Amino acid sequence: SGRRKCRLVLQGFSEPFEWDEGRSVDSPVAYQTTLRMLMAKAGKGEVVSQRDVSVAFLQSSNYGPDERRRYCSYKMYKGAVERVYELLGPLYGQRSASRRWYETLASWLTSDAMGFVQGMNEPCMFRHPVTGLVVVVYVDDIITRGSQPATDDFQEALGAQFVCTD
């Protein structure tokens, strides 16, 4: 009775360091002062909303052909045959998964289609020059502040691009 879910989580501590050689695996996280400022500057008629991106790391861009191939092994139960799978993209538990998600989301926000400008001193804050909508990224949570129409348009575009929960 009821639906059961499970999630494959990798043990990032056992990954070969060569997988991320020369690349940072750290993902920027919004400063607490940025979140406070977002709330404090909310003006009359502005809406502050939050959206969670479901299984965000699985929605990150896949590994490219020029990137090192990555693998994981899985054993269904003790004594079973161990199977090895090539990873097409990041999974939860990988050292670089959060960085990959951030890069995917930031490139979508700053694309010509979306038109946001990234903050110079805060890499997790984006502002739309026309609508004034402010977007702050906190791992897989997206917090917005702006007019109701701009917020609705953004939420619709976000939902069309990524699987989100309300």
N, C-alpha and C. Protein backbone atom coordinates (compact mmCIF):
# COMPACT_ATOMS: atom_id res chain seq x y z
N SER A 1 0.85 -1.18 0.00
CA SER A 1 0.00 0.00 0.00
C SER A 1 0.88 1.23 0.00
N GLY A 2 0.67 2.10 -0.94
CA GLY A 2 1.47 3.32 -1.02
C GLY A 2 2.66 3.13 -1.92
N ARG A 3 3.20 4.22 -2.30
CA ARG A 3 4.35 4.22 -3.20
C ARG A 3 5.64 4.24 -2.39
N ARG A 4 6.62 3.49 -2.85
CA ARG A 4 7.91 3.48 -2.18
C ARG A 4 8.95 4.11 -3.10
N LYS A 5 9.81 4.89 -2.51
CA LYS A 5 10.85 5.55 -3.30
C LYS A 5 12.21 5.18 -2.73
N CYS A 6 13.19 5.22 -3.59
CA CYS A 6 14.56 5.06 -3.13
C CYS A 6 15.44 5.94 -3.99
N ARG A 7 16.60 6.24 -3.50
CA ARG A 7 17.53 7.09 -4.23
C ARG A 7 18.93 6.48 -4.12
N LEU A 8 19.57 6.38 -5.24
CA LEU A 8 20.94 5.90 -5.26
C LEU A 8 21.83 7.07 -4.88
N VAL A 9 22.59 6.91 -3.81
CA VAL A 9 23.50 7.95 -3.34
C VAL A 9 24.92 7.39 -3.40
N LEU A 10 25.78 8.11 -4.10
CA LEU A 10 27.16 7.65 -4.23
C LEU A 10 27.97 8.05 -3.02
N GLN A 11 29.06 7.33 -2.82
CA GLN A 11 29.99 7.64 -1.74
C GLN A 11 31.11 8.48 -2.32
N GLY A 12 30.90 9.79 -2.32
CA GLY A 12 31.85 10.70 -2.94
C GLY A 12 33.25 10.63 -2.37
N PHE A 13 33.36 10.24 -1.10
CA PHE A 13 34.69 10.15 -0.48
C PHE A 13 35.54 9.07 -1.11
N SER A 14 34.90 8.12 -1.82
CA SER A 14 35.68 7.05 -2.45
C SER A 14 35.94 7.29 -3.94
N GLU A 15 35.52 8.44 -4.46
CA GLU A 15 35.77 8.77 -5.87
C GLU A 15 37.25 9.04 -6.10
N PRO A 16 37.76 8.67 -7.25
CA PRO A 16 39.14 9.02 -7.59
C PRO A 16 39.27 10.54 -7.73
N PHE A 17 40.29 11.12 -7.17
CA PHE A 17 40.49 12.58 -7.24
C PHE A 17 40.74 13.04 -8.68
N GLU A 18 41.19 12.13 -9.55
CA GLU A 18 41.45 12.48 -10.94
C GLU A 18 40.18 12.92 -11.67
N TRP A 19 39.01 12.49 -11.20
CA TRP A 19 37.77 12.86 -11.85
C TRP A 19 37.58 14.37 -11.90
N ASP A 20 38.03 15.04 -10.87
CA ASP A 20 37.83 16.49 -10.78
C ASP A 20 39.14 17.25 -10.80
N GLU A 21 40.16 16.65 -11.31
CA GLU A 21 41.48 17.28 -11.33
C GLU A 21 41.43 18.61 -12.09
N GLY A 22 41.91 19.64 -11.44
CA GLY A 22 41.96 20.96 -12.06
C GLY A 22 40.65 21.72 -12.00
N ARG A 23 39.62 21.16 -11.40
CA ARG A 23 38.30 21.83 -11.29
C ARG A 23 37.91 21.91 -9.83
N SER A 24 37.26 22.99 -9.48
CA SER A 24 36.74 23.14 -8.13
C SER A 24 35.48 22.28 -7.99
N VAL A 25 35.33 21.64 -6.86
CA VAL A 25 34.12 20.85 -6.61
C VAL A 25 33.17 21.61 -5.67
N ASP A 26 33.60 22.75 -5.19
CA ASP A 26 32.79 23.54 -4.27
C ASP A 26 31.76 24.36 -5.02
N SER A 27 30.57 24.39 -4.49
CA SER A 27 29.50 25.19 -5.07
C SER A 27 29.28 26.42 -4.20
N PRO A 28 29.13 27.59 -4.82
CA PRO A 28 28.85 28.77 -3.99
C PRO A 28 27.47 28.66 -3.36
N VAL A 29 27.33 29.23 -2.17
CA VAL A 29 26.07 29.26 -1.45
C VAL A 29 25.79 30.71 -1.08
N ALA A 30 24.55 31.12 -1.19
CA ALA A 30 24.18 32.50 -0.89
C ALA A 30 24.54 32.85 0.56
N TYR A 31 25.06 34.05 0.74
CA TYR A 31 25.37 34.54 2.08
C TYR A 31 24.08 34.79 2.85
N GLN A 32 24.12 34.61 4.17
CA GLN A 32 22.95 34.90 5.00
C GLN A 32 22.55 36.36 4.88
N THR A 33 23.54 37.25 4.73
CA THR A 33 23.22 38.68 4.60
C THR A 33 22.46 38.95 3.30
N THR A 34 22.73 38.17 2.26
CA THR A 34 22.00 38.32 1.00
C THR A 34 20.53 37.96 1.19
N LEU A 35 20.28 36.88 1.92
CA LEU A 35 18.90 36.47 2.18
C LEU A 35 18.18 37.51 3.04
N ARG A 36 18.87 38.04 4.05
CA ARG A 36 18.27 39.08 4.88
C ARG A 36 17.97 40.33 4.06
N MET A 37 18.90 40.73 3.19
CA MET A 37 18.71 41.90 2.35
C MET A 37 17.53 41.70 1.40
N LEU A 38 17.39 40.49 0.87
CA LEU A 38 16.30 40.19 -0.03
C LEU A 38 14.96 40.44 0.66
N MET A 39 14.85 40.04 1.91
CA MET A 39 13.62 40.24 2.67
C MET A 39 13.43 41.69 3.09
N ALA A 40 14.50 42.30 3.53
CA ALA A 40 14.40 43.67 4.06
C ALA A 40 14.05 44.68 2.97
N LYS A 41 14.50 44.45 1.74
CA LYS A 41 14.26 45.40 0.66
C LYS A 41 12.96 45.15 -0.10
N ALA A 42 12.21 44.16 0.33
CA ALA A 42 10.94 43.88 -0.34
C ALA A 42 10.02 45.08 -0.17
N GLY A 43 9.62 45.66 -1.28
CA GLY A 43 8.78 46.85 -1.25
C GLY A 43 7.30 46.53 -1.38
N LYS A 44 6.52 47.57 -1.32
CA LYS A 44 5.07 47.42 -1.45
C LYS A 44 4.75 46.88 -2.85
N GLY A 45 3.92 45.89 -2.89
CA GLY A 45 3.54 45.29 -4.17
C GLY A 45 4.50 44.22 -4.65
N GLU A 46 5.57 43.96 -3.92
CA GLU A 46 6.51 42.91 -4.32
C GLU A 46 6.15 41.60 -3.62
N VAL A 47 6.48 40.53 -4.29
CA VAL A 47 6.19 39.19 -3.78
C VAL A 47 7.51 38.49 -3.52
N VAL A 48 7.63 37.84 -2.37
CA VAL A 48 8.79 36.99 -2.08
C VAL A 48 8.28 35.56 -2.12
N SER A 49 8.92 34.74 -2.95
CA SER A 49 8.49 33.35 -3.06
C SER A 49 9.69 32.41 -3.07
N GLN A 50 9.42 31.16 -2.78
CA GLN A 50 10.47 30.15 -2.71
C GLN A 50 10.01 28.95 -3.50
N ARG A 51 10.94 28.32 -4.19
CA ARG A 51 10.64 27.11 -4.97
C ARG A 51 11.78 26.12 -4.77
N ASP A 52 11.44 24.89 -4.59
CA ASP A 52 12.42 23.82 -4.42
C ASP A 52 12.50 23.03 -5.71
N VAL A 53 13.70 22.80 -6.19
CA VAL A 53 13.89 22.01 -7.41
C VAL A 53 14.04 20.55 -6.98
N SER A 54 13.13 19.70 -7.45
CA SER A 54 13.16 18.28 -7.09
C SER A 54 14.36 17.61 -7.75
N VAL A 55 14.96 16.71 -7.03
CA VAL A 55 16.12 15.96 -7.51
C VAL A 55 17.02 16.83 -8.40
N ALA A 56 17.44 17.95 -7.85
CA ALA A 56 18.18 18.96 -8.61
C ALA A 56 19.44 18.40 -9.27
N PHE A 57 20.21 17.61 -8.54
CA PHE A 57 21.48 17.15 -9.09
C PHE A 57 21.25 16.27 -10.32
N LEU A 58 20.13 15.56 -10.37
CA LEU A 58 19.84 14.72 -11.52
C LEU A 58 19.45 15.55 -12.74
N GLN A 59 19.10 16.82 -12.53
CA GLN A 59 18.72 17.69 -13.63
C GLN A 59 19.89 18.54 -14.12
N SER A 60 21.06 18.29 -13.57
CA SER A 60 22.27 18.99 -14.02
C SER A 60 22.63 18.55 -15.42
N SER A 61 23.43 19.37 -16.08
CA SER A 61 23.85 19.01 -17.43
C SER A 61 24.75 17.76 -17.38
N ASN A 62 24.63 16.94 -18.40
CA ASN A 62 25.41 15.71 -18.47
C ASN A 62 26.88 16.00 -18.71
N TYR A 63 27.69 14.99 -18.48
CA TYR A 63 29.12 15.12 -18.74
C TYR A 63 29.34 15.19 -20.25
N GLY A 64 30.27 16.02 -20.64
CA GLY A 64 30.57 16.19 -22.06
C GLY A 64 31.54 15.15 -22.56
N PRO A 65 31.69 15.05 -23.89
CA PRO A 65 32.59 14.05 -24.47
C PRO A 65 34.06 14.33 -24.14
N ASP A 66 34.39 15.59 -23.81
CA ASP A 66 35.77 15.93 -23.49
C ASP A 66 36.08 15.74 -22.01
N GLU A 67 35.09 15.35 -21.21
CA GLU A 67 35.31 15.15 -19.78
C GLU A 67 35.64 13.69 -19.49
N ARG A 68 36.33 13.49 -18.39
CA ARG A 68 36.72 12.14 -17.99
C ARG A 68 35.48 11.29 -17.73
N ARG A 69 35.50 10.05 -18.17
CA ARG A 69 34.38 9.13 -17.94
C ARG A 69 34.33 8.77 -16.46
N ARG A 70 33.12 8.63 -15.94
CA ARG A 70 32.93 8.32 -14.53
C ARG A 70 32.05 7.09 -14.40
N TYR A 71 32.33 6.30 -13.39
CA TYR A 71 31.64 5.04 -13.20
C TYR A 71 31.23 4.88 -11.74
N CYS A 72 30.21 4.05 -11.52
CA CYS A 72 29.86 3.65 -10.16
C CYS A 72 29.53 2.16 -10.19
N SER A 73 29.71 1.52 -9.06
CA SER A 73 29.37 0.10 -8.97
C SER A 73 28.22 -0.07 -7.99
N TYR A 74 27.46 -1.13 -8.19
CA TYR A 74 26.28 -1.37 -7.38
C TYR A 74 26.11 -2.86 -7.17
N LYS A 75 25.84 -3.23 -5.92
CA LYS A 75 25.60 -4.62 -5.57
C LYS A 75 24.18 -4.69 -5.00
N MET A 76 23.31 -5.44 -5.64
CA MET A 76 21.91 -5.50 -5.24
C MET A 76 21.76 -6.01 -3.80
N TYR A 77 22.52 -6.99 -3.43
CA TYR A 77 22.47 -7.56 -2.09
C TYR A 77 23.80 -8.27 -1.84
N LYS A 78 24.05 -8.61 -0.60
CA LYS A 78 25.30 -9.28 -0.25
C LYS A 78 25.39 -10.61 -0.99
N GLY A 79 26.49 -10.81 -1.67
CA GLY A 79 26.69 -12.04 -2.44
C GLY A 79 26.28 -11.91 -3.89
N ALA A 80 25.60 -10.84 -4.25
CA ALA A 80 25.19 -10.64 -5.64
C ALA A 80 26.38 -10.18 -6.47
N VAL A 81 26.22 -10.30 -7.76
CA VAL A 81 27.26 -9.85 -8.68
C VAL A 81 27.30 -8.32 -8.67
N GLU A 82 28.49 -7.78 -8.58
CA GLU A 82 28.65 -6.32 -8.59
C GLU A 82 28.58 -5.84 -10.04
N ARG A 83 27.76 -4.83 -10.26
CA ARG A 83 27.61 -4.27 -11.61
C ARG A 83 28.24 -2.89 -11.65
N VAL A 84 28.83 -2.56 -12.79
CA VAL A 84 29.47 -1.26 -12.96
C VAL A 84 28.71 -0.50 -14.04
N TYR A 85 28.39 0.77 -13.74
CA TYR A 85 27.64 1.62 -14.66
C TYR A 85 28.43 2.88 -14.97
N GLU A 86 28.35 3.30 -16.23
CA GLU A 86 28.95 4.59 -16.60
C GLU A 86 27.93 5.67 -16.30
N LEU A 87 28.38 6.74 -15.66
CA LEU A 87 27.49 7.85 -15.30
C LEU A 87 27.40 8.83 -16.46
N LEU A 88 26.19 9.21 -16.81
CA LEU A 88 25.99 10.21 -17.86
C LEU A 88 26.06 11.62 -17.28
N GLY A 89 25.70 11.74 -16.00
CA GLY A 89 25.70 13.03 -15.31
C GLY A 89 25.85 12.80 -13.82
N PRO A 90 25.85 13.87 -13.05
CA PRO A 90 26.08 13.73 -11.61
C PRO A 90 24.92 13.08 -10.87
N LEU A 91 25.26 12.41 -9.77
CA LEU A 91 24.29 11.81 -8.86
C LEU A 91 24.53 12.34 -7.45
N TYR A 92 23.54 12.21 -6.59
CA TYR A 92 23.69 12.63 -5.20
C TYR A 92 24.86 11.88 -4.58
N GLY A 93 25.62 12.58 -3.79
CA GLY A 93 26.76 11.99 -3.10
C GLY A 93 28.08 12.27 -3.77
N GLN A 94 28.08 12.59 -5.06
CA GLN A 94 29.34 12.91 -5.73
C GLN A 94 29.89 14.23 -5.20
N ARG A 95 31.19 14.33 -5.13
CA ARG A 95 31.82 15.55 -4.63
C ARG A 95 31.45 16.76 -5.48
N SER A 96 31.37 16.60 -6.76
CA SER A 96 31.16 17.74 -7.66
C SER A 96 29.71 17.94 -8.08
N ALA A 97 28.76 17.18 -7.52
CA ALA A 97 27.37 17.26 -7.97
C ALA A 97 26.75 18.63 -7.71
N SER A 98 26.98 19.21 -6.54
CA SER A 98 26.37 20.51 -6.24
C SER A 98 26.96 21.61 -7.12
N ARG A 99 28.24 21.52 -7.42
CA ARG A 99 28.87 22.51 -8.31
C ARG A 99 28.27 22.40 -9.72
N ARG A 100 28.07 21.17 -10.18
CA ARG A 100 27.52 20.95 -11.51
C ARG A 100 26.09 21.50 -11.60
N TRP A 101 25.29 21.31 -10.54
CA TRP A 101 23.93 21.84 -10.52
C TRP A 101 23.96 23.37 -10.56
N TYR A 102 24.84 23.97 -9.75
CA TYR A 102 24.94 25.43 -9.73
C TYR A 102 25.31 25.95 -11.12
N GLU A 103 26.27 25.33 -11.78
CA GLU A 103 26.69 25.77 -13.12
C GLU A 103 25.54 25.63 -14.13
N THR A 104 24.77 24.57 -14.03
CA THR A 104 23.62 24.37 -14.93
C THR A 104 22.58 25.46 -14.73
N LEU A 105 22.24 25.73 -13.47
CA LEU A 105 21.22 26.74 -13.17
C LEU A 105 21.70 28.14 -13.52
N ALA A 106 22.95 28.47 -13.18
CA ALA A 106 23.49 29.80 -13.47
C ALA A 106 23.56 30.05 -14.97
N SER A 107 23.95 29.05 -15.74
CA SER A 107 24.02 29.26 -17.19
C SER A 107 22.62 29.43 -17.79
N TRP A 108 21.61 28.76 -17.23
CA TRP A 108 20.24 28.94 -17.70
C TRP A 108 19.73 30.34 -17.36
N LEU A 109 20.00 30.79 -16.13
CA LEU A 109 19.53 32.12 -15.72
C LEU A 109 20.18 33.23 -16.54
N THR A 110 21.46 33.10 -16.87
CA THR A 110 22.18 34.15 -17.59
C THR A 110 22.11 33.97 -19.11
N SER A 111 21.37 32.97 -19.57
CA SER A 111 21.24 32.76 -21.02
C SER A 111 20.45 33.90 -21.64
N ASP A 112 20.54 34.03 -22.95
CA ASP A 112 19.80 35.08 -23.66
C ASP A 112 18.29 34.93 -23.45
N ALA A 113 17.82 33.70 -23.32
CA ALA A 113 16.39 33.46 -23.14
C ALA A 113 15.88 34.01 -21.82
N MET A 114 16.67 33.90 -20.76
CA MET A 114 16.23 34.36 -19.45
C MET A 114 16.68 35.80 -19.17
N GLY A 115 17.91 36.14 -19.51
CA GLY A 115 18.40 37.51 -19.44
C GLY A 115 18.77 38.05 -18.07
N PHE A 116 19.02 37.20 -17.10
CA PHE A 116 19.43 37.67 -15.77
C PHE A 116 20.91 38.04 -15.77
N VAL A 117 21.26 38.95 -14.86
CA VAL A 117 22.65 39.35 -14.68
C VAL A 117 23.09 38.87 -13.30
N GLN A 118 24.22 38.19 -13.27
CA GLN A 118 24.74 37.65 -12.02
C GLN A 118 25.37 38.74 -11.19
N GLY A 119 25.19 38.68 -9.87
CA GLY A 119 25.79 39.65 -8.97
C GLY A 119 27.30 39.58 -9.00
N MET A 120 27.94 40.72 -8.91
CA MET A 120 29.41 40.75 -8.96
C MET A 120 30.03 40.22 -7.68
N ASN A 121 29.46 40.57 -6.52
CA ASN A 121 30.01 40.15 -5.24
C ASN A 121 29.26 38.98 -4.63
N GLU A 122 28.17 38.60 -5.24
CA GLU A 122 27.35 37.49 -4.75
C GLU A 122 26.99 36.60 -5.94
N PRO A 123 27.74 35.51 -6.13
CA PRO A 123 27.52 34.66 -7.30
C PRO A 123 26.18 33.93 -7.30
N CYS A 124 25.47 33.91 -6.17
CA CYS A 124 24.19 33.21 -6.08
C CYS A 124 23.00 34.15 -6.23
N MET A 125 23.24 35.42 -6.55
CA MET A 125 22.16 36.38 -6.73
C MET A 125 22.13 36.83 -8.19
N PHE A 126 20.94 36.83 -8.77
CA PHE A 126 20.74 37.21 -10.16
C PHE A 126 19.62 38.24 -10.21
N ARG A 127 19.77 39.24 -11.08
CA ARG A 127 18.76 40.29 -11.20
C ARG A 127 18.42 40.47 -12.67
N HIS A 128 17.13 40.59 -12.94
CA HIS A 128 16.70 40.83 -14.31
C HIS A 128 16.67 42.34 -14.55
N PRO A 129 17.41 42.84 -15.54
CA PRO A 129 17.52 44.29 -15.75
C PRO A 129 16.22 44.96 -16.18
N VAL A 130 15.31 44.23 -16.78
CA VAL A 130 14.05 44.84 -17.25
C VAL A 130 12.96 44.76 -16.18
N THR A 131 12.72 43.57 -15.65
CA THR A 131 11.63 43.39 -14.68
C THR A 131 12.04 43.71 -13.25
N GLY A 132 13.34 43.71 -12.96
CA GLY A 132 13.82 43.96 -11.61
C GLY A 132 13.70 42.76 -10.69
N LEU A 133 13.25 41.63 -11.21
CA LEU A 133 13.12 40.42 -10.40
C LEU A 133 14.49 39.99 -9.90
N VAL A 134 14.57 39.68 -8.61
CA VAL A 134 15.81 39.21 -8.00
C VAL A 134 15.64 37.74 -7.66
N VAL A 135 16.63 36.94 -8.05
CA VAL A 135 16.63 35.50 -7.79
C VAL A 135 17.86 35.17 -6.97
N VAL A 136 17.66 34.47 -5.86
CA VAL A 136 18.77 34.01 -5.04
C VAL A 136 18.73 32.50 -5.00
N VAL A 137 19.85 31.88 -5.29
CA VAL A 137 19.97 30.42 -5.32
C VAL A 137 20.62 29.95 -4.04
N TYR A 138 19.96 29.02 -3.36
CA TYR A 138 20.51 28.43 -2.14
C TYR A 138 20.44 26.91 -2.32
N VAL A 139 21.47 26.34 -2.90
CA VAL A 139 21.61 24.94 -3.29
C VAL A 139 20.48 24.58 -4.27
N ASP A 140 19.43 23.88 -3.82
CA ASP A 140 18.34 23.54 -4.74
C ASP A 140 17.07 24.34 -4.45
N ASP A 141 17.18 25.35 -3.62
CA ASP A 141 16.06 26.27 -3.36
C ASP A 141 16.29 27.56 -4.12
N ILE A 142 15.22 28.07 -4.70
CA ILE A 142 15.30 29.31 -5.46
C ILE A 142 14.32 30.30 -4.83
N ILE A 143 14.85 31.42 -4.36
CA ILE A 143 14.05 32.44 -3.70
C ILE A 143 13.99 33.65 -4.62
N THR A 144 12.79 34.18 -4.84
CA THR A 144 12.62 35.32 -5.74
C THR A 144 11.95 36.47 -5.00
N ARG A 145 12.23 37.69 -5.49
CA ARG A 145 11.55 38.89 -5.00
C ARG A 145 11.29 39.80 -6.19
N GLY A 146 10.04 40.20 -6.36
CA GLY A 146 9.71 41.08 -7.46
C GLY A 146 8.21 41.23 -7.59
N SER A 147 7.78 41.83 -8.68
CA SER A 147 6.35 42.02 -8.91
C SER A 147 5.67 40.68 -9.15
N GLN A 148 4.38 40.64 -8.92
CA GLN A 148 3.62 39.40 -9.12
C GLN A 148 3.71 38.89 -10.55
N PRO A 149 3.53 39.76 -11.58
CA PRO A 149 3.64 39.26 -12.96
C PRO A 149 5.03 38.71 -13.29
N ALA A 150 6.08 39.41 -12.84
CA ALA A 150 7.45 38.94 -13.12
C ALA A 150 7.71 37.62 -12.40
N THR A 151 7.22 37.50 -11.18
CA THR A 151 7.39 36.26 -10.41
C THR A 151 6.65 35.12 -11.09
N ASP A 152 5.41 35.36 -11.52
CA ASP A 152 4.64 34.31 -12.19
C ASP A 152 5.31 33.86 -13.48
N ASP A 153 5.81 34.80 -14.27
CA ASP A 153 6.51 34.45 -15.52
C ASP A 153 7.75 33.62 -15.24
N PHE A 154 8.50 34.02 -14.21
CA PHE A 154 9.71 33.27 -13.87
C PHE A 154 9.36 31.87 -13.39
N GLN A 155 8.36 31.76 -12.51
CA GLN A 155 7.98 30.44 -11.98
C GLN A 155 7.52 29.52 -13.11
N GLU A 156 6.83 30.07 -14.09
CA GLU A 156 6.38 29.28 -15.24
C GLU A 156 7.57 28.80 -16.06
N ALA A 157 8.53 29.70 -16.31
CA ALA A 157 9.73 29.32 -17.08
C ALA A 157 10.56 28.30 -16.32
N LEU A 158 10.68 28.47 -15.01
CA LEU A 158 11.43 27.54 -14.18
C LEU A 158 10.79 26.15 -14.21
N GLY A 159 9.46 26.12 -14.08
CA GLY A 159 8.74 24.84 -14.12
C GLY A 159 8.82 24.15 -15.46
N ALA A 160 8.95 24.94 -16.53
CA ALA A 160 9.08 24.35 -17.87
C ALA A 160 10.48 23.77 -18.08
N GLN A 161 11.48 24.34 -17.41
CA GLN A 161 12.87 23.92 -17.59
C GLN A 161 13.27 22.81 -16.63
N PHE A 162 12.82 22.89 -15.37
CA PHE A 162 13.23 21.95 -14.32
C PHE A 162 11.99 21.43 -13.59
N VAL A 163 12.11 20.24 -13.01
CA VAL A 163 11.03 19.68 -12.21
C VAL A 163 11.13 20.30 -10.82
N CYS A 164 10.06 20.98 -10.39
CA CYS A 164 10.06 21.69 -9.11
C CYS A 164 8.89 21.22 -8.26
N THR A 165 9.02 21.46 -6.95
CA THR A 165 7.91 21.22 -6.03
C THR A 165 7.48 22.57 -5.48
N ASP A 166 6.24 22.66 -5.09
CA ASP A 166 5.72 23.92 -4.55
C ASP A 166 5.88 23.98 -3.05
